[in-house]
Amino acid sequence: MTPFNECVPPGVRAILEALRFDREPAPLPELSADDLTFADRSQLTPLLSRFVRGDHVNGALARNKIRVEKVASAYSEIASAFERSGVDHVVLKGFTHVPEFIDDVNLRVQYDLDLYVPELQRDAASHALRELQYEPIESMEGLAMDHLPTMIRKTGWRWRDDYFDPDLPVAVEVHFQFWDVETERIRVEALEDFWTRRDGVRLNPLDALGYAALHLIRHVLRGNVRAFHVWEIANFLDRHHDDEGFWRRWDRQHTRSLQRVEAAAFLLAKTWFGCHIADIPSVEIDRLPPRVHRWFELYGWSPIESQFEPNKDELWLHMTLLDSFDDRWNVLRRRLIPTSIPQQVDSIHVPEDQLTEEERANRDSSNRSYASSRAAHHSRLLIPTLIEGAKWWFRSRS
């Protein structure tokens, strides 16, 4: 596989190397402020407490423990409201990933509650949340999502340059489908079985892995993957690599179309973190189209590199996973020239009547600047992406 591009700082490489499963972690060098910011943004900082100590890591871990308690409290309140309203649900990801994906909930960063409800109950779920003073972020209307617009409480909280701020309000996302086929154009069959096989308010471990893989690939294909989500799947695979019974059930219960997406997620986990993978899923990885394997050889680190030198290399992976020209054209057009860009990024937790005129003007200016910067980002990448696409066309046939 192609090694890291030189744009990736040595400290970031060292962080990722320390979290691999196929070697003993080397002592981490002294990490710069930028390295630690990468770890914060990638949700890896609490994990680093296993390898390194210091004010930054210790402080982040302590504040995240407080956040874990607040997430649990928010969920308890919402679950009670759903029960009163007759809304059934399962919790996706978050604290339900303990202990299968990670053994300590305090090492997992959770900003929101992802709750799946049957589609016929999504309005009732939204109403129950409104009764608890959760409001939808209006600027998310019309975006490609598998959930309703994220709902938040207008507590007056403002961003403080702290990814582990204990006061950051817990957001809620009401999911009404497990996969957005209309946007991704990749057909995955029998996902409704996740719901019928659920274990209380949790997915069973097989389907929790399936959903985690779908979630990861969705973010890979949209160019905003977080390294922690990859590590979590790698940890699951490494812990279960010798559980033959688990993987036989996986082979029986998950459709080939789902296993295909899972295999791509598993290959990314192995590429980045060197996890051990059982024989049955290894066969599915081998069955991936040759061009998918070629993408990993050429661009396996692109999702990390894009955080330092923007690219859209995930497009070529997406193209290899699609079966028709119409689907490829639909995705290519949407990703090269996006028509929907989130407009509101500043002061979203502050009620309108609490904003001063100066703050309102600053908010509007920040939102416009953000929209302009995203438009400029896509414009700058258009020609380089087309050139890289031509290179990929030739390389993938070699």
Protein backbone atom coordinates (compact mmCIF):
# COMPACT_ATOMS: atom_id res chain seq x y z
CA MET A 1 0.00 0.00 0.00
CA THR A 2 1.13 3.56 -0.70
CA PRO A 3 2.67 5.02 2.49
CA PHE A 4 1.55 8.26 4.10
CA ASN A 5 1.83 11.37 2.02
CA GLU A 6 4.42 13.78 3.41
CA CYS A 7 1.59 16.16 4.35
CA VAL A 8 0.78 13.95 7.38
CA PRO A 9 2.85 15.19 10.38
CA PRO A 10 5.17 12.69 12.11
CA GLY A 11 3.27 13.06 15.39
CA VAL A 12 0.00 12.08 13.73
CA ARG A 13 1.67 9.04 12.18
CA ALA A 14 3.03 8.09 15.61
CA ILE A 15 -0.45 8.32 17.17
CA LEU A 16 -1.91 5.98 14.55
CA GLU A 17 1.04 3.59 14.84
CA ALA A 18 0.61 3.42 18.63
CA LEU A 19 -2.97 2.21 18.22
CA ARG A 20 -2.15 -0.70 15.90
CA PHE A 21 -2.90 -4.27 16.97
CA ASP A 22 -0.13 -6.06 15.08
CA ARG A 23 2.82 -4.69 17.02
CA GLU A 24 3.81 -3.46 20.43
CA PRO A 25 3.20 0.28 20.70
CA ALA A 26 6.37 2.31 20.45
CA PRO A 27 6.80 5.16 22.95
CA LEU A 28 5.06 8.23 21.60
CA PRO A 29 7.29 11.22 20.88
CA GLU A 30 6.44 14.56 22.39
CA LEU A 31 3.26 15.60 20.62
CA SER A 32 2.78 19.11 19.33
CA ALA A 33 -0.34 21.18 19.87
CA ASP A 34 -1.36 20.38 16.28
CA ASP A 35 -0.88 16.65 16.87
CA LEU A 36 -3.11 16.82 19.95
CA THR A 37 -5.71 18.80 18.03
CA PHE A 38 -5.80 16.00 15.45
CA ALA A 39 -6.30 13.47 18.26
CA ASP A 40 -9.06 15.60 19.78
CA ARG A 41 -10.85 16.06 16.45
CA SER A 42 -10.48 12.36 15.64
CA GLN A 43 -11.85 11.36 19.10
CA LEU A 44 -8.63 9.49 19.90
CA THR A 45 -7.37 11.54 22.86
CA PRO A 46 -9.05 9.47 25.63
CA LEU A 47 -7.54 6.32 24.06
CA LEU A 48 -4.09 7.91 24.24
CA SER A 49 -4.36 7.88 28.03
CA ARG A 50 -3.28 4.22 27.74
CA PHE A 51 0.06 5.28 26.26
CA VAL A 52 0.82 8.82 27.32
CA ARG A 53 0.10 11.08 30.23
CA GLY A 54 0.11 14.83 30.45
CA ASP A 55 -2.16 17.73 31.25
CA HIS A 56 -3.87 17.70 27.86
CA VAL A 57 -4.68 13.98 27.78
CA ASN A 58 -5.53 13.73 31.48
CA GLY A 59 -7.75 16.79 31.32
CA ALA A 60 -9.57 15.54 28.23
CA LEU A 61 -10.19 12.16 29.87
CA ALA A 62 -11.53 13.78 33.07
CA ARG A 63 -13.89 16.06 31.16
CA ASN A 64 -15.05 13.22 28.93
CA LYS A 65 -16.03 11.20 32.03
CA ILE A 66 -18.36 14.04 33.00
CA ARG A 67 -19.79 14.09 29.48
CA VAL A 68 -20.43 10.33 29.64
CA GLU A 69 -22.57 10.88 32.74
CA LYS A 70 -24.48 13.70 31.04
CA VAL A 71 -25.14 11.56 27.96
CA ALA A 72 -26.49 8.79 30.20
CA SER A 73 -28.75 11.27 31.99
CA ALA A 74 -30.02 12.73 28.70
CA TYR A 75 -30.76 9.27 27.35
CA SER A 76 -32.65 8.24 30.49
CA GLU A 77 -34.90 11.29 30.16
CA ILE A 78 -35.52 10.68 26.45
CA ALA A 79 -36.18 6.95 26.91
CA SER A 80 -38.84 7.77 29.51
CA ALA A 81 -40.44 10.30 27.17
CA PHE A 82 -40.47 7.77 24.33
CA GLU A 83 -42.05 5.17 26.59
CA ARG A 84 -44.82 7.60 27.56
CA SER A 85 -45.41 8.35 23.87
CA GLY A 86 -45.36 4.72 22.80
CA VAL A 87 -42.24 5.17 20.67
CA ASP A 88 -40.07 2.07 20.21
CA HIS A 89 -36.36 2.60 19.59
CA VAL A 90 -32.88 1.18 19.62
CA VAL A 91 -29.70 3.08 20.45
CA LEU A 92 -27.16 3.14 17.64
CA LYS A 93 -23.45 3.28 18.45
CA GLY A 94 -22.56 5.40 21.47
CA PHE A 95 -22.54 3.71 24.87
CA THR A 96 -24.07 0.55 23.37
CA HIS A 97 -20.66 -0.15 21.81
CA VAL A 98 -19.43 -1.12 25.27
CA PRO A 99 -18.07 -3.76 25.79
CA GLU A 100 -17.97 -5.30 22.27
CA PHE A 101 -16.14 -2.43 20.54
CA ILE A 102 -14.41 -0.81 23.51
CA ASP A 103 -14.12 -1.94 27.12
CA ASP A 104 -14.40 1.42 28.91
CA VAL A 105 -17.20 3.87 28.13
CA ASN A 106 -15.06 6.74 29.43
CA LEU A 107 -12.64 6.24 26.55
CA ARG A 108 -15.39 6.77 23.98
CA VAL A 109 -16.30 10.31 22.96
CA GLN A 110 -20.03 10.78 22.36
CA TYR A 111 -21.52 14.05 21.20
CA ASP A 112 -25.04 12.94 20.36
CA LEU A 113 -27.58 10.18 20.82
CA ASP A 114 -28.37 8.24 17.65
CA LEU A 115 -31.78 6.63 18.07
CA TYR A 116 -33.45 4.46 15.45
CA VAL A 117 -37.25 4.41 15.42
CA PRO A 118 -39.57 2.74 12.89
CA GLU A 119 -40.41 5.20 10.12
CA LEU A 120 -44.09 5.35 11.12
CA GLN A 121 -43.06 6.55 14.58
CA ARG A 122 -40.54 9.20 13.60
CA ASP A 123 -43.01 12.09 13.92
CA ALA A 124 -44.07 10.88 17.36
CA ALA A 125 -40.40 10.68 18.36
CA SER A 126 -39.80 14.21 17.11
CA HIS A 127 -42.84 15.46 19.03
CA ALA A 128 -41.66 13.76 22.24
CA LEU A 129 -38.26 15.46 21.89
CA ARG A 130 -39.89 18.84 21.30
CA GLU A 131 -41.80 18.32 24.53
CA LEU A 132 -38.37 18.07 26.20
CA GLN A 133 -37.34 21.40 24.56
CA TYR A 134 -35.21 19.85 21.82
CA GLU A 135 -35.37 21.83 18.58
CA PRO A 136 -34.22 20.84 15.06
CA ILE A 137 -31.30 22.66 13.47
CA GLU A 138 -33.21 24.26 10.62
CA SER A 139 -30.20 24.64 8.32
CA MET A 140 -29.97 20.84 8.08
CA GLU A 141 -33.29 20.61 6.26
CA GLY A 142 -32.84 19.13 2.79
CA LEU A 143 -29.40 17.64 3.44
CA ALA A 144 -28.68 14.04 2.46
CA MET A 145 -29.16 12.12 5.71
CA ASP A 146 -30.60 8.92 7.08
CA HIS A 147 -32.11 10.78 10.03
CA LEU A 148 -34.27 13.78 10.83
CA PRO A 149 -32.45 17.10 11.31
CA THR A 150 -30.32 16.98 14.45
CA MET A 151 -32.22 18.23 17.50
CA ILE A 152 -30.60 20.34 20.24
CA ARG A 153 -31.53 22.36 23.27
CA LYS A 154 -31.01 26.10 23.10
CA THR A 155 -29.05 26.33 26.34
CA GLY A 156 -26.98 29.37 25.41
CA TRP A 157 -23.79 27.27 25.13
CA ARG A 158 -21.04 28.65 22.92
CA TRP A 159 -18.01 26.89 21.40
CA ARG A 160 -14.92 27.21 23.64
CA ASP A 161 -12.27 25.44 21.54
CA ASP A 162 -12.73 22.33 23.69
CA TYR A 163 -13.82 19.05 22.09
CA PHE A 164 -14.50 17.60 25.56
CA ASP A 165 -16.39 20.51 27.07
CA PRO A 166 -18.64 18.99 29.76
CA ASP A 167 -21.21 21.72 29.11
CA LEU A 168 -21.59 20.92 25.41
CA PRO A 169 -25.30 19.99 25.13
CA VAL A 170 -26.15 16.47 24.01
CA ALA A 171 -27.71 16.44 20.53
CA VAL A 172 -30.22 13.86 19.32
CA GLU A 173 -30.57 12.28 15.88
CA VAL A 174 -33.73 10.30 15.14
CA HIS A 175 -32.87 7.73 12.47
CA PHE A 176 -35.66 6.25 10.39
CA GLN A 177 -33.48 4.04 8.18
CA PHE A 178 -30.20 2.20 8.64
CA TRP A 179 -28.75 3.18 5.25
CA ASP A 180 -29.41 6.05 2.84
CA VAL A 181 -29.55 4.17 -0.44
CA GLU A 182 -31.01 7.17 -2.28
CA THR A 183 -27.85 9.16 -1.62
CA GLU A 184 -25.16 6.48 -1.59
CA ARG A 185 -26.75 4.50 -4.48
CA ILE A 186 -25.39 1.26 -3.02
CA ARG A 187 -28.15 -1.29 -2.47
CA VAL A 188 -27.93 -3.20 0.81
CA GLU A 189 -30.60 -5.84 1.39
CA ALA A 190 -32.56 -6.97 4.46
CA LEU A 191 -31.48 -4.19 6.82
CA GLU A 192 -34.96 -4.30 8.34
CA ASP A 193 -33.77 -7.50 10.06
CA PHE A 194 -31.66 -5.32 12.35
CA TRP A 195 -34.89 -4.18 13.96
CA THR A 196 -36.47 -7.62 14.25
CA ARG A 197 -33.29 -9.10 15.75
CA ARG A 198 -32.78 -6.30 18.28
CA ASP A 199 -32.01 -7.04 21.91
CA GLY A 200 -34.09 -4.57 23.93
CA VAL A 201 -32.85 -1.08 23.08
CA ARG A 202 -29.62 -2.43 21.56
CA LEU A 203 -28.81 -4.05 18.27
CA ASN A 204 -27.46 -7.55 18.73
CA PRO A 205 -23.64 -7.72 18.40
CA LEU A 206 -23.79 -9.03 14.81
CA ASP A 207 -25.97 -6.17 13.66
CA ALA A 208 -24.14 -3.62 15.81
CA LEU A 209 -21.05 -4.54 13.80
CA GLY A 210 -23.04 -4.32 10.56
CA TYR A 211 -24.40 -0.90 11.40
CA ALA A 212 -20.98 0.36 12.55
CA ALA A 213 -19.55 -0.73 9.18
CA LEU A 214 -22.36 0.99 7.27
CA HIS A 215 -21.85 4.13 9.32
CA LEU A 216 -18.10 4.09 8.70
CA ILE A 217 -18.38 3.55 4.94
CA ARG A 218 -21.03 6.27 4.71
CA HIS A 219 -18.57 8.73 6.27
CA VAL A 220 -15.67 7.46 4.16
CA LEU A 221 -17.68 8.00 0.98
CA ARG A 222 -18.71 11.49 2.11
CA GLY A 223 -15.14 12.46 2.96
CA ASN A 224 -15.48 13.02 6.71
CA VAL A 225 -14.36 9.84 8.49
CA ARG A 226 -13.00 9.95 12.05
CA ALA A 227 -10.11 7.68 12.91
CA PHE A 228 -11.75 6.50 16.14
CA HIS A 229 -14.63 4.89 14.24
CA VAL A 230 -12.09 2.89 12.22
CA TRP A 231 -10.18 1.89 15.37
CA GLU A 232 -13.39 0.76 17.07
CA ILE A 233 -14.19 -1.69 14.27
CA ALA A 234 -10.56 -2.85 14.27
CA ASN A 235 -10.81 -3.52 18.00
CA PHE A 236 -14.02 -5.53 17.52
CA LEU A 237 -12.46 -7.60 14.73
CA ASP A 238 -9.30 -8.23 16.71
CA ARG A 239 -11.23 -9.33 19.82
CA HIS A 240 -13.49 -11.67 17.82
CA HIS A 241 -11.04 -13.03 15.27
CA ASP A 242 -11.01 -16.50 16.87
CA ASP A 243 -14.78 -16.69 17.57
CA GLU A 244 -15.74 -19.13 14.81
CA GLY A 245 -19.36 -19.44 15.97
CA PHE A 246 -19.86 -15.67 15.78
CA TRP A 247 -18.60 -15.53 12.22
CA ARG A 248 -20.68 -18.51 11.11
CA ARG A 249 -23.78 -16.66 12.37
CA TRP A 250 -22.55 -13.53 10.60
CA ASP A 251 -22.25 -15.47 7.35
CA ARG A 252 -25.78 -16.88 7.70
CA GLN A 253 -27.59 -13.75 8.85
CA HIS A 254 -25.98 -10.94 6.85
CA THR A 255 -26.78 -10.73 3.16
CA ARG A 256 -24.01 -10.67 0.55
CA SER A 257 -24.78 -7.04 -0.23
CA LEU A 258 -24.28 -6.10 3.44
CA GLN A 259 -21.16 -8.25 3.75
CA ARG A 260 -19.70 -6.45 0.75
CA VAL A 261 -19.96 -3.09 2.50
CA GLU A 262 -18.75 -4.60 5.77
CA ALA A 263 -15.75 -6.11 3.99
CA ALA A 264 -14.70 -2.66 2.74
CA ALA A 265 -14.94 -1.32 6.31
CA PHE A 266 -12.97 -4.30 7.64
CA LEU A 267 -10.26 -3.75 5.05
CA LEU A 268 -9.93 -0.11 6.09
CA ALA A 269 -9.68 -1.18 9.75
CA LYS A 270 -6.95 -3.68 8.92
CA THR A 271 -5.10 -1.17 6.73
CA TRP A 272 -4.97 1.51 9.39
CA PHE A 273 -4.67 -0.51 12.59
CA GLY A 274 -3.39 -3.98 11.66
CA CYS A 275 -6.16 -5.93 13.38
CA HIS A 276 -6.46 -9.71 13.07
CA ILE A 277 -9.44 -10.85 11.02
CA ALA A 278 -11.13 -14.26 11.11
CA ASP A 279 -11.13 -16.53 8.06
CA ILE A 280 -14.81 -16.06 7.10
CA PRO A 281 -14.73 -12.25 6.81
CA SER A 282 -11.26 -12.50 5.23
CA VAL A 283 -12.86 -14.48 2.40
CA GLU A 284 -15.36 -11.65 1.90
CA ILE A 285 -12.52 -9.14 1.78
CA ASP A 286 -10.83 -11.24 -0.90
CA ARG A 287 -14.10 -11.24 -2.87
CA LEU A 288 -14.14 -7.47 -3.13
CA PRO A 289 -13.64 -6.31 -6.73
CA PRO A 290 -9.97 -6.00 -7.74
CA ARG A 291 -10.40 -2.26 -8.24
CA VAL A 292 -11.44 -1.90 -4.58
CA HIS A 293 -8.17 -3.55 -3.54
CA ARG A 294 -6.35 -1.30 -5.99
CA TRP A 295 -7.95 1.74 -4.37
CA PHE A 296 -6.63 0.66 -0.98
CA GLU A 297 -3.16 0.18 -2.45
CA LEU A 298 -3.16 3.69 -3.92
CA TYR A 299 -5.38 5.72 -1.60
CA GLY A 300 -5.72 3.77 1.65
CA TRP A 301 -4.47 6.73 3.70
CA SER A 302 -6.29 9.44 1.75
CA PRO A 303 -9.02 9.96 4.39
CA ILE A 304 -6.26 10.88 6.89
CA GLU A 305 -4.27 12.90 4.36
CA SER A 306 -7.32 14.94 3.39
CA GLN A 307 -7.27 16.54 6.84
CA PHE A 308 -3.94 18.13 5.97
CA GLU A 309 -4.08 18.36 2.17
CA PRO A 310 -7.69 18.23 0.89
CA ASN A 311 -8.64 15.57 -1.65
CA LYS A 312 -11.69 13.69 -2.85
CA ASP A 313 -10.01 10.34 -3.46
CA GLU A 314 -12.91 8.55 -1.77
CA LEU A 315 -14.85 9.21 -4.97
CA TRP A 316 -12.95 6.47 -6.80
CA LEU A 317 -13.78 3.95 -4.09
CA HIS A 318 -17.42 4.96 -4.37
CA MET A 319 -17.32 4.47 -8.13
CA THR A 320 -15.98 0.91 -7.76
CA LEU A 321 -18.80 -0.01 -5.36
CA LEU A 322 -21.53 1.11 -7.77
CA ASP A 323 -23.07 -1.10 -10.43
CA SER A 324 -24.52 1.26 -13.02
CA PHE A 325 -23.50 4.31 -15.03
CA ASP A 326 -26.55 6.24 -13.77
CA ASP A 327 -25.56 5.67 -10.16
CA ARG A 328 -21.96 6.69 -10.81
CA TRP A 329 -23.04 9.84 -12.61
CA ASN A 330 -25.47 10.74 -9.83
CA VAL A 331 -22.76 10.45 -7.15
CA LEU A 332 -20.05 12.11 -9.25
CA ARG A 333 -22.23 15.13 -10.00
CA ARG A 334 -23.31 15.51 -6.36
CA ARG A 335 -19.78 15.27 -4.98
CA LEU A 336 -18.06 17.44 -7.56
CA ILE A 337 -20.60 20.25 -7.47
CA PRO A 338 -22.59 20.05 -4.21
CA THR A 339 -25.87 21.94 -4.21
CA SER A 340 -26.52 21.87 -0.45
CA ILE A 341 -24.12 23.34 2.08
CA PRO A 342 -24.96 23.75 5.79
CA GLN A 343 -25.50 27.42 6.50
CA GLN A 344 -25.60 27.64 10.31
CA VAL A 345 -22.44 26.82 12.25
CA ASP A 346 -22.26 29.58 14.85
CA SER A 347 -24.32 30.03 18.04
CA ILE A 348 -26.72 27.22 17.19
CA HIS A 349 -27.36 26.57 20.90
CA VAL A 350 -28.17 30.20 21.70
CA PRO A 351 -31.83 31.30 21.65
CA GLU A 352 -32.48 34.18 19.28
CA ASP A 353 -33.70 36.45 22.10
CA GLN A 354 -30.42 35.98 23.98
CA LEU A 355 -28.27 37.29 21.14
CA THR A 356 -27.19 40.92 21.15
CA GLU A 357 -27.25 42.81 17.87
CA GLU A 358 -23.46 42.49 17.68
CA GLU A 359 -23.60 38.75 18.35
CA ARG A 360 -26.33 38.29 15.77
CA ALA A 361 -24.27 40.16 13.19
CA ASN A 362 -21.17 38.10 14.08
CA ARG A 363 -23.20 34.88 13.80
CA ASP A 364 -24.56 35.80 10.40
CA SER A 365 -21.09 36.78 9.23
CA SER A 366 -19.60 33.48 10.48
CA ASN A 367 -22.31 31.46 8.77
CA ARG A 368 -21.80 33.30 5.48
CA SER A 369 -18.05 32.87 5.74
CA TYR A 370 -18.44 29.17 6.37
CA ALA A 371 -20.74 28.72 3.39
CA SER A 372 -18.32 30.70 1.22
CA SER A 373 -15.33 28.69 2.42
CA ARG A 374 -17.09 25.40 1.61
CA ALA A 375 -18.01 26.64 -1.85
CA ALA A 376 -14.41 27.76 -2.40
CA HIS A 377 -13.15 24.40 -1.13
CA HIS A 378 -15.19 22.50 -3.72
CA SER A 379 -14.21 24.95 -6.46
CA ARG A 380 -10.49 24.61 -5.71
CA LEU A 381 -10.71 20.83 -5.74
CA LEU A 382 -12.70 20.49 -8.96
CA ILE A 383 -9.79 20.46 -11.44
CA PRO A 384 -7.37 18.49 -9.20
CA THR A 385 -10.10 15.90 -8.60
CA LEU A 386 -10.76 15.51 -12.32
CA ILE A 387 -7.03 15.11 -12.97
CA GLU A 388 -6.76 12.53 -10.16
CA GLY A 389 -9.77 10.76 -11.63
CA ALA A 390 -7.96 10.40 -14.94
CA LYS A 391 -4.92 9.01 -13.11
CA TRP A 392 -7.14 6.57 -11.24
CA TRP A 393 -8.72 5.39 -14.50
CA PHE A 394 -5.31 4.40 -15.86
CA ARG A 395 -3.88 3.08 -12.58
CA SER A 396 -6.91 0.92 -11.81
CA ARG A 397 -6.42 -0.92 -15.08
CA SER A 398 -2.74 -1.61 -14.60
